[in-house]
Amino acid sequence: MPVGEVIIIGTTDIIIQDPEDFTVGKDEINYILESASAILHGLTSKDIITEFSGIRPLIGNAEDPGKLPRDFVISEDGNIINVFGGKLTNFRAASRNVAKLVSARLNVKIRTKGMPVIAYQRHEPADKFAHEIKYECAIFPEDIMRRREAFQIYREDMGKSEEKAVKKAFKEARN
C-alpha cells in the first residue's frame, strides 16, 4: 500500500507467547519479500528502511493463526464496551454493533444503515508542527516525528528532512 513516500508491505500472522516481544523476525521479512517480489521485481532486504509490528488479539485457540476466525466479539462489562478481534475490513460492522448497543442504553434512535463513509481529511494548518505542539499537546519532538506524523514509517529518509523544522517549532513554542 503506497503511503507518503514509501510502500508498506505486510502482514504476517504468528502466534506469540510474550506480548512484550513483538519484534519482526527474519522469517517474516523473507516471507514478505518473497510474496511481494512477484509484483515489485528486484525487491531485496536492502530496500527495507524500517519495520514495525503490532499485536492483534484473535479470538480462539489454534496452532496456526491463519485458521483463527477474523470475526469480532463484543463484550460488555458494566458501562464498558470492548471489541475483541476483528480486522480493518470489518471495522464498520463492529462500529455499527457498538452504536446499536450504546443507542439502546441511552434510549435514543440511531440510523447507521446506508450512512456514507466520512471522507476524513486531517486539517492542515499553515504551521502544522506549531499546531501539533499547541493544540495536540506534543511534549517532545519525538511526539511529532514518531506518533503524529510517523515519519520513520512514511518517509524514505525516516524524517531526517523534517527534524530541524520540528525542533525549531518546539524552540519557538517555548519562547
N, C-alpha and C. Protein backbone atom coordinates (compact mmCIF):
# COMPACT_ATOMS: atom_id res chain seq x y z
N MET A 1 0.84 -1.16 0.00
CA MET A 1 0.00 0.00 0.00
C MET A 1 0.89 1.24 0.00
N PRO A 2 0.83 2.05 -1.05
CA PRO A 2 1.63 3.28 -1.07
C PRO A 2 1.12 4.27 -0.03
N VAL A 3 2.01 4.77 0.80
CA VAL A 3 1.68 5.76 1.81
C VAL A 3 2.83 6.75 1.86
N GLY A 4 2.54 8.02 1.64
CA GLY A 4 3.62 9.00 1.64
C GLY A 4 4.63 8.67 0.57
N GLU A 5 5.88 8.59 0.94
CA GLU A 5 6.97 8.32 0.00
C GLU A 5 7.35 6.85 -0.06
N VAL A 6 6.66 6.01 0.65
CA VAL A 6 7.06 4.61 0.77
C VAL A 6 5.90 3.69 0.43
N ILE A 7 6.20 2.41 0.41
CA ILE A 7 5.17 1.38 0.26
C ILE A 7 5.22 0.52 1.51
N ILE A 8 4.08 0.35 2.14
CA ILE A 8 4.00 -0.51 3.32
C ILE A 8 3.56 -1.89 2.84
N ILE A 9 4.34 -2.89 3.20
CA ILE A 9 4.06 -4.26 2.76
C ILE A 9 3.87 -5.13 4.00
N GLY A 10 2.89 -5.97 3.97
CA GLY A 10 2.66 -6.89 5.08
C GLY A 10 1.31 -7.52 4.87
N THR A 11 0.81 -8.23 5.72
CA THR A 11 1.20 -8.53 7.08
C THR A 11 1.46 -10.02 7.21
N THR A 12 1.95 -10.39 8.37
CA THR A 12 2.07 -11.81 8.69
C THR A 12 1.29 -12.07 9.97
N ASP A 13 0.96 -13.30 10.19
CA ASP A 13 0.29 -13.71 11.42
C ASP A 13 1.13 -14.80 12.07
N ILE A 14 1.61 -14.52 13.26
CA ILE A 14 2.29 -15.56 14.03
C ILE A 14 1.77 -15.50 15.46
N ILE A 15 1.77 -16.62 16.10
CA ILE A 15 1.36 -16.67 17.50
C ILE A 15 2.57 -16.30 18.35
N ILE A 16 2.35 -15.41 19.30
CA ILE A 16 3.43 -15.04 20.21
C ILE A 16 3.04 -15.45 21.62
N GLN A 17 4.03 -15.71 22.43
CA GLN A 17 3.79 -16.10 23.82
C GLN A 17 3.91 -14.91 24.76
N ASP A 18 4.76 -13.95 24.40
CA ASP A 18 5.03 -12.81 25.27
C ASP A 18 4.62 -11.52 24.55
N PRO A 19 3.58 -10.84 25.01
CA PRO A 19 3.14 -9.61 24.34
C PRO A 19 4.18 -8.50 24.34
N GLU A 20 5.20 -8.62 25.18
CA GLU A 20 6.28 -7.62 25.19
C GLU A 20 7.28 -7.87 24.07
N ASP A 21 7.25 -9.05 23.49
CA ASP A 21 8.19 -9.41 22.42
C ASP A 21 7.45 -9.41 21.09
N PHE A 22 7.43 -8.26 20.44
CA PHE A 22 6.76 -8.20 19.14
C PHE A 22 7.73 -7.68 18.09
N THR A 23 8.90 -8.32 18.06
CA THR A 23 9.89 -7.99 17.05
C THR A 23 9.52 -8.65 15.73
N VAL A 24 10.08 -8.13 14.66
CA VAL A 24 9.85 -8.70 13.34
C VAL A 24 11.01 -9.66 13.05
N GLY A 25 10.69 -10.93 12.87
CA GLY A 25 11.72 -11.94 12.65
C GLY A 25 12.17 -12.03 11.20
N LYS A 26 13.34 -12.60 10.99
CA LYS A 26 13.88 -12.76 9.63
C LYS A 26 12.97 -13.61 8.76
N ASP A 27 12.35 -14.64 9.35
CA ASP A 27 11.44 -15.49 8.58
C ASP A 27 10.27 -14.67 8.03
N GLU A 28 9.75 -13.77 8.86
CA GLU A 28 8.63 -12.93 8.42
C GLU A 28 9.07 -11.98 7.30
N ILE A 29 10.24 -11.38 7.47
CA ILE A 29 10.76 -10.47 6.44
C ILE A 29 10.96 -11.22 5.13
N ASN A 30 11.57 -12.39 5.20
CA ASN A 30 11.79 -13.18 3.98
C ASN A 30 10.48 -13.58 3.32
N TYR A 31 9.50 -13.95 4.11
CA TYR A 31 8.18 -14.31 3.58
C TYR A 31 7.55 -13.13 2.84
N ILE A 32 7.59 -11.96 3.46
CA ILE A 32 7.00 -10.77 2.84
C ILE A 32 7.77 -10.39 1.58
N LEU A 33 9.10 -10.42 1.63
CA LEU A 33 9.90 -10.10 0.44
C LEU A 33 9.59 -11.06 -0.70
N GLU A 34 9.52 -12.33 -0.39
CA GLU A 34 9.23 -13.34 -1.41
C GLU A 34 7.84 -13.12 -2.01
N SER A 35 6.86 -12.85 -1.17
CA SER A 35 5.50 -12.63 -1.65
C SER A 35 5.41 -11.36 -2.50
N ALA A 36 6.03 -10.29 -2.03
CA ALA A 36 5.94 -9.00 -2.73
C ALA A 36 6.76 -8.95 -4.00
N SER A 37 7.79 -9.78 -4.09
CA SER A 37 8.66 -9.73 -5.27
C SER A 37 7.95 -10.16 -6.54
N ALA A 38 6.80 -10.81 -6.42
CA ALA A 38 6.01 -11.15 -7.61
C ALA A 38 5.48 -9.89 -8.28
N ILE A 39 5.29 -8.84 -7.50
CA ILE A 39 4.78 -7.58 -8.05
C ILE A 39 5.89 -6.53 -8.13
N LEU A 40 6.70 -6.47 -7.10
CA LEU A 40 7.79 -5.49 -7.03
C LEU A 40 9.10 -6.20 -7.36
N HIS A 41 9.36 -6.36 -8.63
CA HIS A 41 10.52 -7.12 -9.08
C HIS A 41 11.83 -6.49 -8.58
N GLY A 42 12.73 -7.33 -8.14
CA GLY A 42 14.03 -6.88 -7.68
C GLY A 42 14.04 -6.39 -6.24
N LEU A 43 12.96 -6.58 -5.52
CA LEU A 43 12.87 -6.16 -4.13
C LEU A 43 13.80 -7.02 -3.27
N THR A 44 14.63 -6.37 -2.46
CA THR A 44 15.53 -7.09 -1.55
C THR A 44 15.46 -6.47 -0.16
N SER A 45 16.12 -7.10 0.77
CA SER A 45 16.14 -6.58 2.15
C SER A 45 16.81 -5.21 2.22
N LYS A 46 17.64 -4.88 1.24
CA LYS A 46 18.29 -3.56 1.22
C LYS A 46 17.28 -2.44 0.98
N ASP A 47 16.12 -2.78 0.45
CA ASP A 47 15.09 -1.78 0.19
C ASP A 47 14.28 -1.45 1.44
N ILE A 48 14.44 -2.22 2.48
CA ILE A 48 13.68 -2.00 3.72
C ILE A 48 14.30 -0.85 4.49
N ILE A 49 13.49 0.16 4.80
CA ILE A 49 14.01 1.27 5.60
C ILE A 49 13.62 1.14 7.07
N THR A 50 12.55 0.43 7.35
CA THR A 50 12.16 0.17 8.73
C THR A 50 11.14 -0.95 8.74
N GLU A 51 10.90 -1.48 9.90
CA GLU A 51 9.84 -2.47 10.05
C GLU A 51 9.13 -2.20 11.37
N PHE A 52 7.91 -2.63 11.45
CA PHE A 52 7.17 -2.48 12.69
C PHE A 52 6.21 -3.65 12.83
N SER A 53 5.79 -3.86 14.05
CA SER A 53 4.82 -4.92 14.28
C SER A 53 3.85 -4.47 15.35
N GLY A 54 2.77 -5.15 15.39
CA GLY A 54 1.77 -4.89 16.40
C GLY A 54 1.13 -6.20 16.79
N ILE A 55 0.33 -6.15 17.79
CA ILE A 55 -0.33 -7.36 18.25
C ILE A 55 -1.83 -7.21 18.03
N ARG A 56 -2.38 -8.17 17.33
CA ARG A 56 -3.82 -8.19 17.10
C ARG A 56 -4.38 -9.39 17.84
N PRO A 57 -5.22 -9.14 18.82
CA PRO A 57 -5.79 -10.28 19.53
C PRO A 57 -6.83 -10.98 18.67
N LEU A 58 -6.65 -12.26 18.48
CA LEU A 58 -7.62 -13.06 17.75
C LEU A 58 -8.33 -13.96 18.74
N ILE A 59 -9.59 -14.17 18.51
CA ILE A 59 -10.41 -14.95 19.42
C ILE A 59 -10.34 -16.41 19.00
N GLY A 60 -9.98 -17.28 19.94
CA GLY A 60 -9.94 -18.70 19.65
C GLY A 60 -8.62 -19.31 20.07
N ASN A 61 -8.45 -20.56 19.70
CA ASN A 61 -7.26 -21.29 20.07
C ASN A 61 -6.87 -22.18 18.90
N ALA A 62 -5.74 -21.91 18.29
CA ALA A 62 -5.27 -22.72 17.17
C ALA A 62 -3.77 -22.60 17.07
N GLU A 63 -3.14 -23.64 16.59
CA GLU A 63 -1.70 -23.62 16.39
C GLU A 63 -1.33 -22.72 15.21
N ASP A 64 -2.20 -22.68 14.21
CA ASP A 64 -1.96 -21.88 13.01
C ASP A 64 -2.85 -20.65 13.06
N PRO A 65 -2.26 -19.44 13.23
CA PRO A 65 -3.10 -18.25 13.32
C PRO A 65 -3.94 -18.02 12.07
N GLY A 66 -3.51 -18.56 10.94
CA GLY A 66 -4.28 -18.43 9.71
C GLY A 66 -5.62 -19.13 9.78
N LYS A 67 -5.75 -20.07 10.70
CA LYS A 67 -7.01 -20.82 10.84
C LYS A 67 -7.97 -20.18 11.85
N LEU A 68 -7.52 -19.16 12.56
CA LEU A 68 -8.40 -18.48 13.51
C LEU A 68 -9.34 -17.54 12.77
N PRO A 69 -10.59 -17.48 13.21
CA PRO A 69 -11.54 -16.57 12.55
C PRO A 69 -11.15 -15.12 12.78
N ARG A 70 -11.48 -14.28 11.82
CA ARG A 70 -11.20 -12.85 11.93
C ARG A 70 -12.43 -12.07 12.40
N ASP A 71 -13.41 -12.80 12.91
CA ASP A 71 -14.61 -12.15 13.41
C ASP A 71 -14.29 -11.37 14.67
N PHE A 72 -15.16 -10.46 15.01
CA PHE A 72 -15.01 -9.70 16.23
C PHE A 72 -16.02 -10.18 17.26
N VAL A 73 -15.69 -9.94 18.52
CA VAL A 73 -16.58 -10.27 19.63
C VAL A 73 -16.75 -9.00 20.45
N ILE A 74 -17.99 -8.68 20.77
CA ILE A 74 -18.26 -7.51 21.59
C ILE A 74 -18.69 -7.99 22.97
N SER A 75 -18.05 -7.46 24.00
CA SER A 75 -18.43 -7.83 25.37
C SER A 75 -18.72 -6.56 26.16
N GLU A 76 -19.63 -6.69 27.10
CA GLU A 76 -20.00 -5.57 27.95
C GLU A 76 -19.64 -5.91 29.39
N ASP A 77 -19.07 -4.95 30.07
CA ASP A 77 -18.74 -5.09 31.49
C ASP A 77 -19.14 -3.78 32.16
N GLY A 78 -20.34 -3.76 32.71
CA GLY A 78 -20.85 -2.50 33.26
C GLY A 78 -21.06 -1.50 32.13
N ASN A 79 -20.45 -0.34 32.27
CA ASN A 79 -20.56 0.69 31.23
C ASN A 79 -19.42 0.63 30.23
N ILE A 80 -18.62 -0.40 30.29
CA ILE A 80 -17.51 -0.56 29.37
C ILE A 80 -17.91 -1.53 28.26
N ILE A 81 -17.69 -1.12 27.02
CA ILE A 81 -17.93 -1.99 25.87
C ILE A 81 -16.58 -2.27 25.23
N ASN A 82 -16.25 -3.54 25.08
CA ASN A 82 -14.99 -3.95 24.48
C ASN A 82 -15.25 -4.64 23.15
N VAL A 83 -14.37 -4.39 22.20
CA VAL A 83 -14.41 -5.10 20.92
C VAL A 83 -13.10 -5.87 20.82
N PHE A 84 -13.20 -7.19 20.68
CA PHE A 84 -12.03 -8.05 20.57
C PHE A 84 -11.99 -8.65 19.18
N GLY A 85 -10.76 -8.86 18.70
CA GLY A 85 -10.60 -9.50 17.39
C GLY A 85 -10.93 -8.54 16.27
N GLY A 86 -11.40 -9.10 15.19
CA GLY A 86 -11.75 -8.28 14.04
C GLY A 86 -10.54 -7.92 13.21
N LYS A 87 -10.79 -7.14 12.20
CA LYS A 87 -9.73 -6.67 11.31
C LYS A 87 -10.18 -5.35 10.71
N LEU A 88 -9.28 -4.69 10.02
CA LEU A 88 -9.61 -3.38 9.47
C LEU A 88 -10.80 -3.42 8.52
N THR A 89 -10.94 -4.50 7.79
CA THR A 89 -12.00 -4.55 6.79
C THR A 89 -13.39 -4.76 7.37
N ASN A 90 -13.51 -5.14 8.64
CA ASN A 90 -14.85 -5.26 9.21
C ASN A 90 -15.10 -4.29 10.37
N PHE A 91 -14.32 -3.22 10.40
CA PHE A 91 -14.49 -2.25 11.48
C PHE A 91 -15.85 -1.56 11.42
N ARG A 92 -16.40 -1.39 10.22
CA ARG A 92 -17.71 -0.72 10.13
C ARG A 92 -18.80 -1.57 10.76
N ALA A 93 -18.74 -2.87 10.54
CA ALA A 93 -19.74 -3.77 11.13
C ALA A 93 -19.62 -3.75 12.66
N ALA A 94 -18.40 -3.79 13.15
CA ALA A 94 -18.20 -3.73 14.60
C ALA A 94 -18.70 -2.40 15.15
N SER A 95 -18.39 -1.32 14.46
CA SER A 95 -18.83 0.01 14.90
C SER A 95 -20.35 0.11 14.92
N ARG A 96 -20.99 -0.44 13.91
CA ARG A 96 -22.45 -0.41 13.83
C ARG A 96 -23.05 -1.16 15.03
N ASN A 97 -22.49 -2.31 15.36
CA ASN A 97 -22.99 -3.08 16.50
C ASN A 97 -22.80 -2.34 17.82
N VAL A 98 -21.65 -1.69 17.98
CA VAL A 98 -21.40 -0.91 19.20
C VAL A 98 -22.37 0.27 19.26
N ALA A 99 -22.60 0.93 18.13
CA ALA A 99 -23.54 2.06 18.11
C ALA A 99 -24.94 1.61 18.52
N LYS A 100 -25.35 0.43 18.08
CA LYS A 100 -26.67 -0.09 18.47
C LYS A 100 -26.74 -0.35 19.97
N LEU A 101 -25.67 -0.90 20.53
CA LEU A 101 -25.63 -1.14 21.98
C LEU A 101 -25.75 0.18 22.75
N VAL A 102 -24.97 1.16 22.33
CA VAL A 102 -24.97 2.45 23.02
C VAL A 102 -26.34 3.12 22.89
N SER A 103 -26.91 3.09 21.68
CA SER A 103 -28.21 3.74 21.49
C SER A 103 -29.30 3.07 22.34
N ALA A 104 -29.23 1.75 22.49
CA ALA A 104 -30.20 1.05 23.33
C ALA A 104 -30.04 1.47 24.80
N ARG A 105 -28.80 1.59 25.25
CA ARG A 105 -28.56 2.01 26.64
C ARG A 105 -29.04 3.44 26.89
N LEU A 106 -28.85 4.30 25.89
CA LEU A 106 -29.24 5.71 26.04
C LEU A 106 -30.69 5.96 25.64
N ASN A 107 -31.33 4.91 25.13
CA ASN A 107 -32.72 5.00 24.68
C ASN A 107 -32.90 6.09 23.62
N VAL A 108 -32.01 6.08 22.64
CA VAL A 108 -32.11 7.01 21.51
C VAL A 108 -32.10 6.20 20.22
N LYS A 109 -32.76 6.74 19.21
CA LYS A 109 -32.77 6.07 17.92
C LYS A 109 -31.56 6.53 17.12
N ILE A 110 -30.97 5.58 16.43
CA ILE A 110 -29.87 5.93 15.53
C ILE A 110 -30.12 5.27 14.19
N ARG A 111 -29.44 5.79 13.19
CA ARG A 111 -29.50 5.19 11.87
C ARG A 111 -28.06 5.00 11.41
N THR A 112 -27.71 3.77 11.12
CA THR A 112 -26.36 3.50 10.62
C THR A 112 -26.39 2.93 9.22
N LYS A 113 -27.44 2.20 8.89
CA LYS A 113 -27.51 1.56 7.58
C LYS A 113 -27.59 2.61 6.47
N GLY A 114 -26.73 2.44 5.49
CA GLY A 114 -26.74 3.34 4.34
C GLY A 114 -26.04 4.66 4.57
N MET A 115 -25.50 4.85 5.76
CA MET A 115 -24.80 6.11 6.04
C MET A 115 -23.49 6.13 5.25
N PRO A 116 -23.16 7.27 4.66
CA PRO A 116 -21.92 7.34 3.88
C PRO A 116 -20.70 7.32 4.79
N VAL A 117 -19.61 6.85 4.24
CA VAL A 117 -18.34 6.90 4.95
C VAL A 117 -17.87 8.35 4.91
N ILE A 118 -17.47 8.85 6.05
CA ILE A 118 -16.98 10.23 6.10
C ILE A 118 -15.61 10.27 5.45
N ALA A 119 -15.43 11.15 4.51
CA ALA A 119 -14.13 11.30 3.85
C ALA A 119 -13.27 12.19 4.73
N TYR A 120 -12.76 11.60 5.80
CA TYR A 120 -11.97 12.36 6.77
C TYR A 120 -10.69 12.85 6.13
N GLN A 121 -10.41 14.11 6.34
CA GLN A 121 -9.14 14.67 5.94
C GLN A 121 -8.61 15.48 7.11
N ARG A 122 -7.39 15.25 7.42
CA ARG A 122 -6.79 15.95 8.55
C ARG A 122 -6.64 17.43 8.21
N HIS A 123 -6.99 18.28 9.15
CA HIS A 123 -6.83 19.72 9.00
C HIS A 123 -5.34 20.02 8.91
N GLU A 124 -4.94 20.74 7.90
CA GLU A 124 -3.52 21.08 7.73
C GLU A 124 -3.34 22.59 7.92
N PRO A 125 -3.05 23.03 9.14
CA PRO A 125 -2.83 24.45 9.37
C PRO A 125 -1.54 24.91 8.69
N ALA A 126 -1.38 26.23 8.58
CA ALA A 126 -0.20 26.78 7.91
C ALA A 126 1.08 26.27 8.56
N ASP A 127 1.14 26.28 9.88
CA ASP A 127 2.31 25.76 10.58
C ASP A 127 1.89 24.51 11.35
N LYS A 128 1.94 23.41 10.65
CA LYS A 128 1.45 22.14 11.18
C LYS A 128 2.11 21.76 12.50
N PHE A 129 3.42 21.89 12.58
CA PHE A 129 4.13 21.47 13.79
C PHE A 129 3.75 22.34 14.99
N ALA A 130 3.63 23.66 14.77
CA ALA A 130 3.23 24.55 15.86
C ALA A 130 1.82 24.19 16.33
N HIS A 131 0.96 23.85 15.41
CA HIS A 131 -0.40 23.44 15.75
C HIS A 131 -0.38 22.17 16.60
N GLU A 132 0.45 21.21 16.22
CA GLU A 132 0.52 19.96 16.97
C GLU A 132 1.07 20.18 18.38
N ILE A 133 1.97 21.13 18.52
CA ILE A 133 2.52 21.44 19.84
C ILE A 133 1.46 22.14 20.70
N LYS A 134 0.80 23.13 20.13
CA LYS A 134 -0.15 23.94 20.90
C LYS A 134 -1.47 23.24 21.17
N TYR A 135 -2.01 22.55 20.17
CA TYR A 135 -3.37 22.02 20.29
C TYR A 135 -3.45 20.51 20.47
N GLU A 136 -2.36 19.80 20.18
CA GLU A 136 -2.39 18.35 20.31
C GLU A 136 -1.47 17.86 21.42
N CYS A 137 -0.94 18.81 22.19
CA CYS A 137 -0.14 18.50 23.39
C CYS A 137 1.11 17.69 23.09
N ALA A 138 1.75 17.95 21.96
CA ALA A 138 3.04 17.30 21.70
C ALA A 138 4.03 17.83 22.72
N ILE A 139 4.69 16.95 23.43
CA ILE A 139 5.60 17.34 24.51
C ILE A 139 7.05 17.38 24.03
N PHE A 140 7.42 16.43 23.21
CA PHE A 140 8.78 16.30 22.71
C PHE A 140 8.75 16.23 21.18
N PRO A 141 9.86 16.56 20.52
CA PRO A 141 9.90 16.40 19.06
C PRO A 141 9.52 15.00 18.60
N GLU A 142 9.87 13.99 19.40
CA GLU A 142 9.54 12.61 19.03
C GLU A 142 8.03 12.38 18.96
N ASP A 143 7.27 13.15 19.75
CA ASP A 143 5.81 13.03 19.68
C ASP A 143 5.31 13.31 18.27
N ILE A 144 5.92 14.31 17.64
CA ILE A 144 5.53 14.65 16.27
C ILE A 144 6.20 13.70 15.29
N MET A 145 7.49 13.52 15.43
CA MET A 145 8.26 12.71 14.47
C MET A 145 7.75 11.27 14.40
N ARG A 146 7.47 10.67 15.53
CA ARG A 146 7.12 9.25 15.55
C ARG A 146 5.63 8.98 15.62
N ARG A 147 4.91 9.73 16.46
CA ARG A 147 3.50 9.40 16.67
C ARG A 147 2.56 10.13 15.73
N ARG A 148 2.64 11.45 15.70
CA ARG A 148 1.66 12.19 14.92
C ARG A 148 1.92 12.09 13.42
N GLU A 149 3.15 12.21 13.01
CA GLU A 149 3.48 12.18 11.58
C GLU A 149 4.03 10.83 11.12
N ALA A 150 4.54 10.05 12.05
CA ALA A 150 5.11 8.72 11.76
C ALA A 150 6.10 8.77 10.61
N PHE A 151 6.98 9.77 10.67
CA PHE A 151 7.97 9.93 9.59
C PHE A 151 8.85 8.69 9.42
N GLN A 152 9.15 7.99 10.52
CA GLN A 152 10.03 6.83 10.40
C GLN A 152 9.39 5.72 9.59
N ILE A 153 8.08 5.79 9.42
CA ILE A 153 7.38 4.79 8.61
C ILE A 153 7.08 5.33 7.22
N TYR A 154 6.63 6.58 7.14
CA TYR A 154 6.09 7.10 5.88
C TYR A 154 7.07 7.91 5.04
N ARG A 155 8.27 8.11 5.51
CA ARG A 155 9.25 8.88 4.75
C ARG A 155 10.47 8.02 4.47
N GLU A 156 10.95 8.12 3.29
CA GLU A 156 12.12 7.33 2.90
C GLU A 156 13.34 7.69 3.75
N ASP A 157 13.47 8.97 4.12
CA ASP A 157 14.61 9.38 4.94
C ASP A 157 14.30 9.28 6.44
N MET A 158 13.17 8.64 6.76
CA MET A 158 12.73 8.42 8.13
C MET A 158 12.56 9.73 8.91
N GLY A 159 12.30 10.82 8.19
CA GLY A 159 12.01 12.09 8.83
C GLY A 159 13.19 13.00 9.07
N LYS A 160 14.37 12.58 8.64
CA LYS A 160 15.56 13.41 8.86
C LYS A 160 15.39 14.80 8.24
N SER A 161 14.70 14.88 7.10
CA SER A 161 14.50 16.16 6.43
C SER A 161 13.55 17.08 7.20
N GLU A 162 12.77 16.55 8.11
CA GLU A 162 11.81 17.34 8.89
C GLU A 162 12.30 17.65 10.30
N GLU A 163 13.34 16.96 10.73
CA GLU A 163 13.79 17.05 12.12
C GLU A 163 14.11 18.48 12.54
N LYS A 164 14.82 19.22 11.70
CA LYS A 164 15.21 20.59 12.03
C LYS A 164 13.97 21.48 12.20
N ALA A 165 13.00 21.35 11.31
CA ALA A 165 11.78 22.16 11.38
C ALA A 165 10.97 21.83 12.64
N VAL A 166 10.92 20.57 13.00
CA VAL A 166 10.18 20.17 14.21
C VAL A 166 10.86 20.75 15.45
N LYS A 167 12.17 20.64 15.53
CA LYS A 167 12.89 21.18 16.69
C LYS A 167 12.76 22.70 16.76
N LYS A 168 12.76 23.35 15.61
CA LYS A 168 12.58 24.81 15.56
C LYS A 168 11.20 25.18 16.10
N ALA A 169 10.19 24.44 15.71
CA ALA A 169 8.82 24.70 16.19
C ALA A 169 8.75 24.57 17.71
N PHE A 170 9.44 23.59 18.27
CA PHE A 170 9.45 23.43 19.73
C PHE A 170 10.17 24.60 20.40
N LYS A 171 11.27 25.02 19.82
CA LYS A 171 12.02 26.14 20.39
C LYS A 171 11.17 27.40 20.38
N GLU A 172 10.48 27.66 19.27
CA GLU A 172 9.62 28.85 19.17
C GLU A 172 8.43 28.76 20.11
N ALA A 173 7.90 27.58 20.30
CA ALA A 173 6.73 27.41 21.18
C ALA A 173 7.09 27.66 22.64
N ARG A 174 8.33 27.44 22.99
CA ARG A 174 8.76 27.61 24.38
C ARG A 174 9.14 29.06 24.69
N ASN A 175 9.21 29.90 23.68
CA ASN A 175 9.56 31.32 23.89
C ASN A 175 8.33 32.15 24.16
